[in-house]
Amino acid sequence: MARAKKIDFEASLSELEALVDQMEEGELTLEESLKAFEAGMKLTRDCQQALKDAEQKVEVLMQQGGELVSEPLDPEEFEDEAGEA
């Protein structure tokens, strides 16, 4: 199974903000606006997935008494990953 590529969240968010600014200026053609909207939707999905992945790394759901509760992960579990960045 292929792993999804990691995105640079901050760069993607910045690119999304730039697209929104361009569209709000109202100087794009209809075709340019549609392309910007499509690119923005892809960036939005990528950012949402990156946030979801980060949340899953930070919390572990545990079953306690029939209820789901969040418990922070031990940061040492991810030292190897953090050390590579």
N, C-alpha and C. Protein backbone atom coordinates (compact mmCIF):
# COMPACT_ATOMS: atom_id res chain seq x y z
N MET A 1 0.84 -1.17 0.00
CA MET A 1 0.00 0.00 0.00
C MET A 1 0.89 1.24 0.00
N ALA A 2 0.61 2.19 -0.89
CA ALA A 2 1.41 3.40 -1.00
C ALA A 2 1.04 4.39 0.10
N ARG A 3 2.05 5.02 0.66
CA ARG A 3 1.81 6.03 1.69
C ARG A 3 1.54 7.37 1.05
N ALA A 4 0.64 8.11 1.62
CA ALA A 4 0.36 9.46 1.12
C ALA A 4 1.56 10.35 1.39
N LYS A 5 1.85 11.25 0.45
CA LYS A 5 2.99 12.13 0.64
C LYS A 5 2.68 13.15 1.73
N LYS A 6 3.70 13.54 2.46
CA LYS A 6 3.54 14.54 3.50
C LYS A 6 3.53 15.91 2.82
N ILE A 7 2.68 16.79 3.33
CA ILE A 7 2.66 18.15 2.80
C ILE A 7 3.23 19.10 3.82
N ASP A 8 3.72 20.23 3.35
CA ASP A 8 4.17 21.31 4.22
C ASP A 8 2.93 22.13 4.54
N PHE A 9 2.36 21.91 5.72
CA PHE A 9 1.10 22.54 6.09
C PHE A 9 1.17 24.06 5.97
N GLU A 10 2.19 24.66 6.53
CA GLU A 10 2.30 26.11 6.54
C GLU A 10 2.41 26.67 5.12
N ALA A 11 3.19 26.01 4.25
CA ALA A 11 3.32 26.46 2.87
C ALA A 11 2.01 26.32 2.12
N SER A 12 1.30 25.22 2.36
CA SER A 12 0.01 25.00 1.70
C SER A 12 -1.02 26.03 2.16
N LEU A 13 -1.03 26.32 3.45
CA LEU A 13 -1.96 27.31 3.98
C LEU A 13 -1.65 28.70 3.41
N SER A 14 -0.39 29.02 3.30
CA SER A 14 0.02 30.31 2.74
C SER A 14 -0.41 30.41 1.27
N GLU A 15 -0.24 29.33 0.53
CA GLU A 15 -0.64 29.30 -0.87
C GLU A 15 -2.17 29.46 -0.99
N LEU A 16 -2.89 28.81 -0.10
CA LEU A 16 -4.35 28.92 -0.09
C LEU A 16 -4.77 30.36 0.19
N GLU A 17 -4.14 31.00 1.14
CA GLU A 17 -4.45 32.40 1.46
C GLU A 17 -4.17 33.31 0.27
N ALA A 18 -3.08 33.04 -0.46
CA ALA A 18 -2.76 33.84 -1.64
C ALA A 18 -3.82 33.67 -2.72
N LEU A 19 -4.30 32.44 -2.90
CA LEU A 19 -5.36 32.19 -3.88
C LEU A 19 -6.64 32.95 -3.51
N VAL A 20 -6.98 32.91 -2.24
CA VAL A 20 -8.19 33.62 -1.77
C VAL A 20 -8.04 35.12 -2.03
N ASP A 21 -6.86 35.67 -1.72
CA ASP A 21 -6.62 37.10 -1.96
C ASP A 21 -6.79 37.44 -3.44
N GLN A 22 -6.23 36.60 -4.32
CA GLN A 22 -6.36 36.84 -5.76
C GLN A 22 -7.81 36.83 -6.20
N MET A 23 -8.57 35.87 -5.69
CA MET A 23 -9.97 35.76 -6.08
C MET A 23 -10.78 36.93 -5.52
N GLU A 24 -10.47 37.39 -4.32
CA GLU A 24 -11.19 38.50 -3.72
C GLU A 24 -10.94 39.82 -4.44
N GLU A 25 -9.77 39.94 -5.08
CA GLU A 25 -9.47 41.16 -5.83
C GLU A 25 -10.40 41.32 -7.02
N GLY A 26 -10.91 40.21 -7.54
CA GLY A 26 -11.88 40.27 -8.63
C GLY A 26 -11.29 40.55 -10.00
N GLU A 27 -10.00 40.43 -10.14
CA GLU A 27 -9.37 40.73 -11.43
C GLU A 27 -9.04 39.50 -12.25
N LEU A 28 -9.39 38.31 -11.76
CA LEU A 28 -9.15 37.09 -12.51
C LEU A 28 -10.27 36.86 -13.51
N THR A 29 -9.91 36.23 -14.63
CA THR A 29 -10.95 35.84 -15.58
C THR A 29 -11.74 34.70 -14.98
N LEU A 30 -12.85 34.37 -15.61
CA LEU A 30 -13.66 33.26 -15.13
C LEU A 30 -12.84 31.97 -15.12
N GLU A 31 -12.10 31.73 -16.19
CA GLU A 31 -11.28 30.51 -16.27
C GLU A 31 -10.20 30.50 -15.18
N GLU A 32 -9.55 31.63 -14.96
CA GLU A 32 -8.53 31.72 -13.92
C GLU A 32 -9.15 31.52 -12.53
N SER A 33 -10.34 32.07 -12.34
CA SER A 33 -11.04 31.91 -11.07
C SER A 33 -11.38 30.45 -10.81
N LEU A 34 -11.84 29.76 -11.84
CA LEU A 34 -12.17 28.34 -11.69
C LEU A 34 -10.94 27.51 -11.37
N LYS A 35 -9.82 27.81 -12.02
CA LYS A 35 -8.57 27.10 -11.73
C LYS A 35 -8.10 27.38 -10.31
N ALA A 36 -8.22 28.64 -9.89
CA ALA A 36 -7.82 29.01 -8.53
C ALA A 36 -8.72 28.31 -7.51
N PHE A 37 -10.01 28.26 -7.80
CA PHE A 37 -10.94 27.59 -6.89
C PHE A 37 -10.60 26.10 -6.78
N GLU A 38 -10.34 25.46 -7.91
CA GLU A 38 -9.99 24.04 -7.91
C GLU A 38 -8.71 23.80 -7.11
N ALA A 39 -7.70 24.64 -7.34
CA ALA A 39 -6.44 24.50 -6.60
C ALA A 39 -6.68 24.73 -5.10
N GLY A 40 -7.53 25.70 -4.78
CA GLY A 40 -7.84 25.98 -3.38
C GLY A 40 -8.54 24.82 -2.70
N MET A 41 -9.45 24.16 -3.41
CA MET A 41 -10.14 23.01 -2.84
C MET A 41 -9.16 21.87 -2.56
N LYS A 42 -8.22 21.64 -3.47
CA LYS A 42 -7.21 20.60 -3.25
C LYS A 42 -6.34 20.95 -2.04
N LEU A 43 -5.92 22.21 -1.96
CA LEU A 43 -5.10 22.63 -0.82
C LEU A 43 -5.88 22.49 0.49
N THR A 44 -7.17 22.82 0.45
CA THR A 44 -8.00 22.68 1.65
C THR A 44 -8.06 21.24 2.10
N ARG A 45 -8.29 20.33 1.16
CA ARG A 45 -8.34 18.90 1.51
C ARG A 45 -6.99 18.42 2.05
N ASP A 46 -5.91 18.85 1.43
CA ASP A 46 -4.58 18.46 1.89
C ASP A 46 -4.32 18.97 3.31
N CYS A 47 -4.70 20.22 3.58
CA CYS A 47 -4.49 20.80 4.91
C CYS A 47 -5.36 20.09 5.95
N GLN A 48 -6.60 19.79 5.59
CA GLN A 48 -7.48 19.08 6.52
C GLN A 48 -6.91 17.70 6.85
N GLN A 49 -6.38 17.02 5.84
CA GLN A 49 -5.80 15.70 6.08
C GLN A 49 -4.56 15.80 6.95
N ALA A 50 -3.73 16.82 6.71
CA ALA A 50 -2.53 17.01 7.52
C ALA A 50 -2.90 17.27 8.98
N LEU A 51 -3.95 18.07 9.21
CA LEU A 51 -4.40 18.33 10.57
C LEU A 51 -4.93 17.05 11.23
N LYS A 52 -5.67 16.27 10.47
CA LYS A 52 -6.20 15.02 10.99
C LYS A 52 -5.06 14.06 11.36
N ASP A 53 -4.06 13.97 10.48
CA ASP A 53 -2.91 13.10 10.75
C ASP A 53 -2.16 13.55 12.00
N ALA A 54 -2.00 14.87 12.14
CA ALA A 54 -1.30 15.40 13.32
C ALA A 54 -2.08 15.11 14.59
N GLU A 55 -3.39 15.26 14.51
CA GLU A 55 -4.23 14.98 15.67
C GLU A 55 -4.12 13.52 16.09
N GLN A 56 -4.08 12.63 15.11
CA GLN A 56 -3.97 11.21 15.41
C GLN A 56 -2.63 10.88 16.05
N LYS A 57 -1.59 11.62 15.69
CA LYS A 57 -0.28 11.40 16.30
C LYS A 57 -0.25 11.89 17.74
N VAL A 58 -1.00 12.94 18.03
CA VAL A 58 -0.94 13.57 19.35
C VAL A 58 -1.81 12.84 20.37
N GLU A 59 -2.91 12.27 19.91
CA GLU A 59 -3.84 11.65 20.86
C GLU A 59 -4.08 10.17 20.53
N VAL A 60 -4.31 9.42 21.56
CA VAL A 60 -4.69 8.02 21.43
C VAL A 60 -6.06 7.89 22.08
N LEU A 61 -6.97 7.33 21.31
CA LEU A 61 -8.29 7.12 21.90
C LEU A 61 -8.28 5.83 22.69
N MET A 62 -8.80 5.91 23.87
CA MET A 62 -8.83 4.74 24.73
C MET A 62 -10.26 4.48 25.18
N GLN A 63 -10.60 3.23 25.27
CA GLN A 63 -11.93 2.83 25.72
C GLN A 63 -11.91 2.72 27.24
N GLN A 64 -12.72 3.54 27.90
CA GLN A 64 -12.79 3.49 29.36
C GLN A 64 -14.26 3.54 29.77
N GLY A 65 -14.73 2.47 30.33
CA GLY A 65 -16.10 2.43 30.81
C GLY A 65 -17.14 2.68 29.73
N GLY A 66 -16.86 2.24 28.52
CA GLY A 66 -17.81 2.42 27.43
C GLY A 66 -17.74 3.79 26.77
N GLU A 67 -16.85 4.67 27.22
CA GLU A 67 -16.74 6.00 26.63
C GLU A 67 -15.34 6.19 26.05
N LEU A 68 -15.27 6.93 24.97
CA LEU A 68 -13.98 7.26 24.38
C LEU A 68 -13.44 8.52 25.04
N VAL A 69 -12.19 8.46 25.46
CA VAL A 69 -11.53 9.63 26.04
C VAL A 69 -10.18 9.80 25.36
N SER A 70 -9.71 11.02 25.31
CA SER A 70 -8.41 11.30 24.69
C SER A 70 -7.32 11.23 25.73
N GLU A 71 -6.19 10.71 25.32
CA GLU A 71 -5.03 10.66 26.20
C GLU A 71 -3.83 11.06 25.37
N PRO A 72 -3.06 12.07 25.80
CA PRO A 72 -1.88 12.48 25.03
C PRO A 72 -0.90 11.32 24.87
N LEU A 73 -0.27 11.28 23.70
CA LEU A 73 0.75 10.28 23.47
C LEU A 73 2.03 10.66 24.19
N ASP A 74 2.85 9.68 24.44
CA ASP A 74 4.15 9.91 25.02
C ASP A 74 5.03 10.51 23.92
N PRO A 75 5.53 11.74 24.09
CA PRO A 75 6.32 12.39 23.03
C PRO A 75 7.56 11.60 22.64
N GLU A 76 8.09 10.77 23.54
CA GLU A 76 9.28 9.99 23.23
C GLU A 76 9.01 8.96 22.14
N GLU A 77 7.74 8.57 21.96
CA GLU A 77 7.40 7.61 20.92
C GLU A 77 7.69 8.17 19.53
N PHE A 78 7.70 9.49 19.40
CA PHE A 78 7.88 10.12 18.10
C PHE A 78 9.22 10.85 17.97
N GLU A 79 10.16 10.59 18.89
CA GLU A 79 11.45 11.24 18.84
C GLU A 79 12.18 10.98 17.54
N ASP A 80 12.13 9.74 17.06
CA ASP A 80 12.84 9.41 15.83
C ASP A 80 12.31 10.23 14.66
N GLU A 81 10.99 10.34 14.56
CA GLU A 81 10.40 11.11 13.48
C GLU A 81 10.77 12.59 13.59
N ALA A 82 10.71 13.15 14.79
CA ALA A 82 11.02 14.55 15.00
C ALA A 82 12.50 14.82 14.74
N GLY A 83 13.34 13.89 15.07
CA GLY A 83 14.77 14.06 14.86
C GLY A 83 15.17 14.14 13.41
N GLU A 84 14.35 13.55 12.52
CA GLU A 84 14.65 13.56 11.10
C GLU A 84 14.32 14.90 10.46
N ALA A 85 13.41 15.67 11.05
CA ALA A 85 12.98 16.94 10.44
C ALA A 85 14.01 18.02 10.60
